[in-house]
Structures are given as structure tokens and as C-alpha cells.
Amino acid sequence: LPTIALKQGDFIAAERAAADMVADAAGTAWEASAVAQLGEALLAKGDVAGATAATRRAILRAADSGLGNWFRMAVRNLAQVCVKAGEPETAARLAGASHRDMPAFGLDPEIYGEIERLATDAVGEDQYKRLHDEGYEMSQAEVLDLVATL
């Protein structure tokens, strides 16, 4: 429901649906998915601080629960948050890290295209590629260390 509401441009409904999912999934592994979707809704509303906090929580919950797919999805979402927060270098690294072992359904060209375009505009094509490749080579522990600095 949050994804559908976002596609329809109804950010309030997306946030409400995601918040309901977070409440329903609390204490389960699926909390990672719900919190990741809450972060997406908050970012769409322009709440960068809230999106950062929710997405960091989703990454940590996914890592703790062993949900590799949602770990990668949340890392991708945090790259999107970082590029919009004016942190293109971090965004490039996180985009690269999220590509590693990302399931096909998470390789959304619309999201990755925006991250690449904005980050490349800020740091240049060569630097973006170098940072992206650096992120791709990061272990999960290294990604978690990077996330802890945000």
C-alpha cells in the first residue's frame, strides 16, 4: 500500500500505511521492510531527517534479521536520501553497496538513475564510478560502519 500511494503522489496515505505496517511488524524480521517503506514515504514528503532515521533503522533491522534483500533495498534507499541531503560521495558508495547481491526487483532504474544523475552532477562521472565501485566491494560490516556515521 505505501508503494501504491507513493506512485499516486499521496504522500500522507503512504506514510500512514507504512506507519501501520511498522506497528504490525514490530519485533519481527518484516519490521525491516515496513521501516524501509516508511523511510521512502518520509523522503517523498521532504522529511530528510526522518527518512534518514527510518532508513538507518531498516538497515540495522534487516542486518539483524538476516533479510539480505531488504538490507540491500534499504541501503539503496539511504543512497537516495544521501543524494537529496547533499552527500553525493556517500550516496555513490551506498548505491554501489546496494547493487551487490540486489535482487532483480530492487534494481529500479528510476531510483538508481536519479541517484547516479544527481551524484554525478555533484562529483563528476569518474569520481562517481570510483566511489560506486568502492561501495560495491564493501562487506556488510563495512556498509554498517558507513551507515553508523550518518
Protein backbone atom coordinates (compact mmCIF):
# COMPACT_ATOMS: atom_id res chain seq x y z
CA LEU A 1 0.00 0.00 0.00
CA PRO A 2 2.72 2.57 0.74
CA THR A 3 4.31 1.95 -2.66
CA ILE A 4 0.99 2.36 -4.47
CA ALA A 5 0.20 5.54 -2.55
CA LEU A 6 3.65 6.95 -3.41
CA LYS A 7 3.15 6.19 -7.11
CA GLN A 8 -0.16 8.04 -6.90
CA GLY A 9 1.52 11.02 -5.21
CA ASP A 10 -0.41 10.61 -1.96
CA PHE A 11 2.47 11.01 0.50
CA ILE A 12 0.24 11.26 3.56
CA ALA A 13 -1.51 7.96 2.75
CA ALA A 14 1.88 6.36 2.05
CA GLU A 15 3.24 7.47 5.41
CA ARG A 16 0.10 6.33 7.24
CA ALA A 17 0.12 2.90 5.56
CA ALA A 18 3.83 2.46 6.25
CA ALA A 19 3.41 3.50 9.91
CA ASP A 20 0.61 0.92 10.26
CA MET A 21 2.90 -1.72 8.75
CA VAL A 22 5.69 -0.79 11.18
CA ALA A 23 3.30 -1.20 14.11
CA ASP A 24 2.03 -4.54 12.79
CA ALA A 25 5.53 -5.88 12.11
CA ALA A 26 7.19 -4.65 15.31
CA GLY A 27 9.54 -7.24 16.73
CA THR A 28 9.54 -9.41 13.60
CA ALA A 29 12.02 -9.63 10.78
CA TRP A 30 9.47 -7.92 8.49
CA GLU A 31 9.88 -4.77 10.51
CA ALA A 32 12.85 -4.03 8.23
CA SER A 33 10.61 -3.93 5.17
CA ALA A 34 8.00 -1.78 6.88
CA VAL A 35 10.52 0.73 8.21
CA ALA A 36 12.21 0.92 4.79
CA GLN A 37 8.86 1.82 3.25
CA LEU A 38 8.27 4.40 5.97
CA GLY A 39 11.61 5.96 5.05
CA GLU A 40 10.54 6.12 1.40
CA ALA A 41 7.32 7.91 2.36
CA LEU A 42 9.14 10.37 4.61
CA LEU A 43 11.65 11.18 1.88
CA ALA A 44 8.84 11.74 -0.63
CA LYS A 45 7.32 14.23 1.83
CA GLY A 46 10.66 16.03 2.08
CA ASP A 47 11.47 14.89 5.62
CA VAL A 48 15.14 14.06 5.05
CA ALA A 49 15.96 13.71 8.76
CA GLY A 50 13.03 11.36 9.34
CA ALA A 51 13.87 9.38 6.20
CA THR A 52 17.48 9.05 7.32
CA ALA A 53 16.48 7.77 10.76
CA ALA A 54 13.88 5.32 9.42
CA THR A 55 16.15 4.01 6.70
CA ARG A 56 19.08 3.53 9.07
CA ARG A 57 16.71 1.59 11.36
CA ALA A 58 15.58 -0.55 8.41
CA ILE A 59 19.20 -1.37 7.51
CA LEU A 60 20.04 -2.37 11.07
CA ARG A 61 16.85 -4.44 11.45
CA ALA A 62 17.43 -6.19 8.12
CA ALA A 63 21.04 -6.98 9.07
CA ASP A 64 19.97 -8.32 12.48
CA SER A 65 17.20 -10.41 10.92
CA GLY A 66 19.24 -11.80 8.04
CA LEU A 67 16.94 -10.27 5.42
CA GLY A 68 19.58 -9.66 2.77
CA ASN A 69 17.12 -8.43 0.15
CA TRP A 70 15.73 -5.76 2.45
CA PHE A 71 19.22 -4.87 3.63
CA ARG A 72 20.14 -4.04 0.01
CA MET A 73 16.84 -2.24 -0.62
CA ALA A 74 17.29 -0.09 2.48
CA VAL A 75 20.91 0.67 1.56
CA ARG A 76 19.68 1.78 -1.87
CA ASN A 77 17.06 3.95 -0.18
CA LEU A 78 19.70 5.51 2.05
CA ALA A 79 21.73 6.33 -1.08
CA GLN A 80 18.66 8.14 -2.36
CA VAL A 81 18.33 10.01 0.95
CA CYS A 82 22.01 10.97 0.93
CA VAL A 83 21.98 12.33 -2.60
CA LYS A 84 18.99 14.52 -1.71
CA ALA A 85 20.70 15.59 1.52
CA GLY A 86 23.72 16.87 -0.40
CA GLU A 87 26.03 13.94 0.36
CA PRO A 88 26.85 12.71 -3.16
CA GLU A 89 30.01 10.81 -2.21
CA THR A 90 28.18 8.76 0.42
CA ALA A 91 25.28 8.28 -1.98
CA ALA A 92 27.60 6.88 -4.64
CA ARG A 93 29.21 4.43 -2.19
CA LEU A 94 25.83 3.29 -0.88
CA ALA A 95 24.45 2.89 -4.40
CA GLY A 96 27.40 0.64 -5.21
CA ALA A 97 26.99 -1.31 -1.98
CA SER A 98 23.30 -1.84 -2.69
CA HIS A 99 23.98 -3.23 -6.16
CA ARG A 100 25.93 -6.13 -4.68
CA ASP A 101 23.52 -9.07 -4.37
CA MET A 102 20.49 -6.84 -5.06
CA PRO A 103 17.53 -8.92 -6.24
CA ALA A 104 16.25 -8.01 -9.70
CA PHE A 105 13.06 -6.47 -8.30
CA GLY A 106 15.15 -3.93 -6.39
CA LEU A 107 17.13 -2.71 -9.40
CA ASP A 108 14.70 0.11 -10.12
CA PRO A 109 16.25 2.20 -12.92
CA GLU A 110 14.18 5.21 -11.89
CA ILE A 111 15.70 5.25 -8.39
CA TYR A 112 19.24 4.35 -9.44
CA GLY A 113 19.08 6.78 -12.36
CA GLU A 114 18.22 9.66 -10.08
CA ILE A 115 20.98 8.78 -7.61
CA GLU A 116 23.55 8.48 -10.41
CA ARG A 117 22.46 11.68 -12.15
CA LEU A 118 22.46 13.85 -9.02
CA ALA A 119 25.66 12.40 -7.60
CA THR A 120 27.47 12.57 -10.95
CA ASP A 121 26.42 16.20 -11.34
CA ALA A 122 28.00 16.90 -7.95
CA VAL A 123 31.23 14.87 -8.10
CA GLY A 124 31.78 14.09 -11.77
CA GLU A 125 31.44 10.87 -13.72
CA ASP A 126 34.88 9.41 -12.93
CA GLN A 127 34.58 10.09 -9.19
CA TYR A 128 31.03 8.66 -9.11
CA LYS A 129 32.20 5.46 -10.79
CA ARG A 130 35.18 5.13 -8.42
CA LEU A 131 33.01 5.64 -5.33
CA HIS A 132 30.29 3.31 -6.67
CA ASP A 133 32.86 0.58 -7.33
CA GLU A 134 34.33 1.13 -3.86
CA GLY A 135 30.86 0.69 -2.36
CA TYR A 136 30.23 -2.45 -4.40
CA GLU A 137 33.31 -4.05 -2.84
CA MET A 138 32.27 -3.23 0.74
CA SER A 139 31.33 -6.05 3.09
CA GLN A 140 28.10 -5.86 5.06
CA ALA A 141 30.14 -4.90 8.14
CA GLU A 142 31.78 -2.05 6.23
CA VAL A 143 28.40 -0.85 4.99
CA LEU A 144 27.10 -0.90 8.57
CA ASP A 145 30.14 1.11 9.68
CA LEU A 146 29.38 3.70 6.99
CA VAL A 147 25.71 3.81 7.96
CA ALA A 148 26.68 4.38 11.59
CA THR A 149 28.37 7.65 10.58
CA LEU A 150 25.16 9.09 9.14
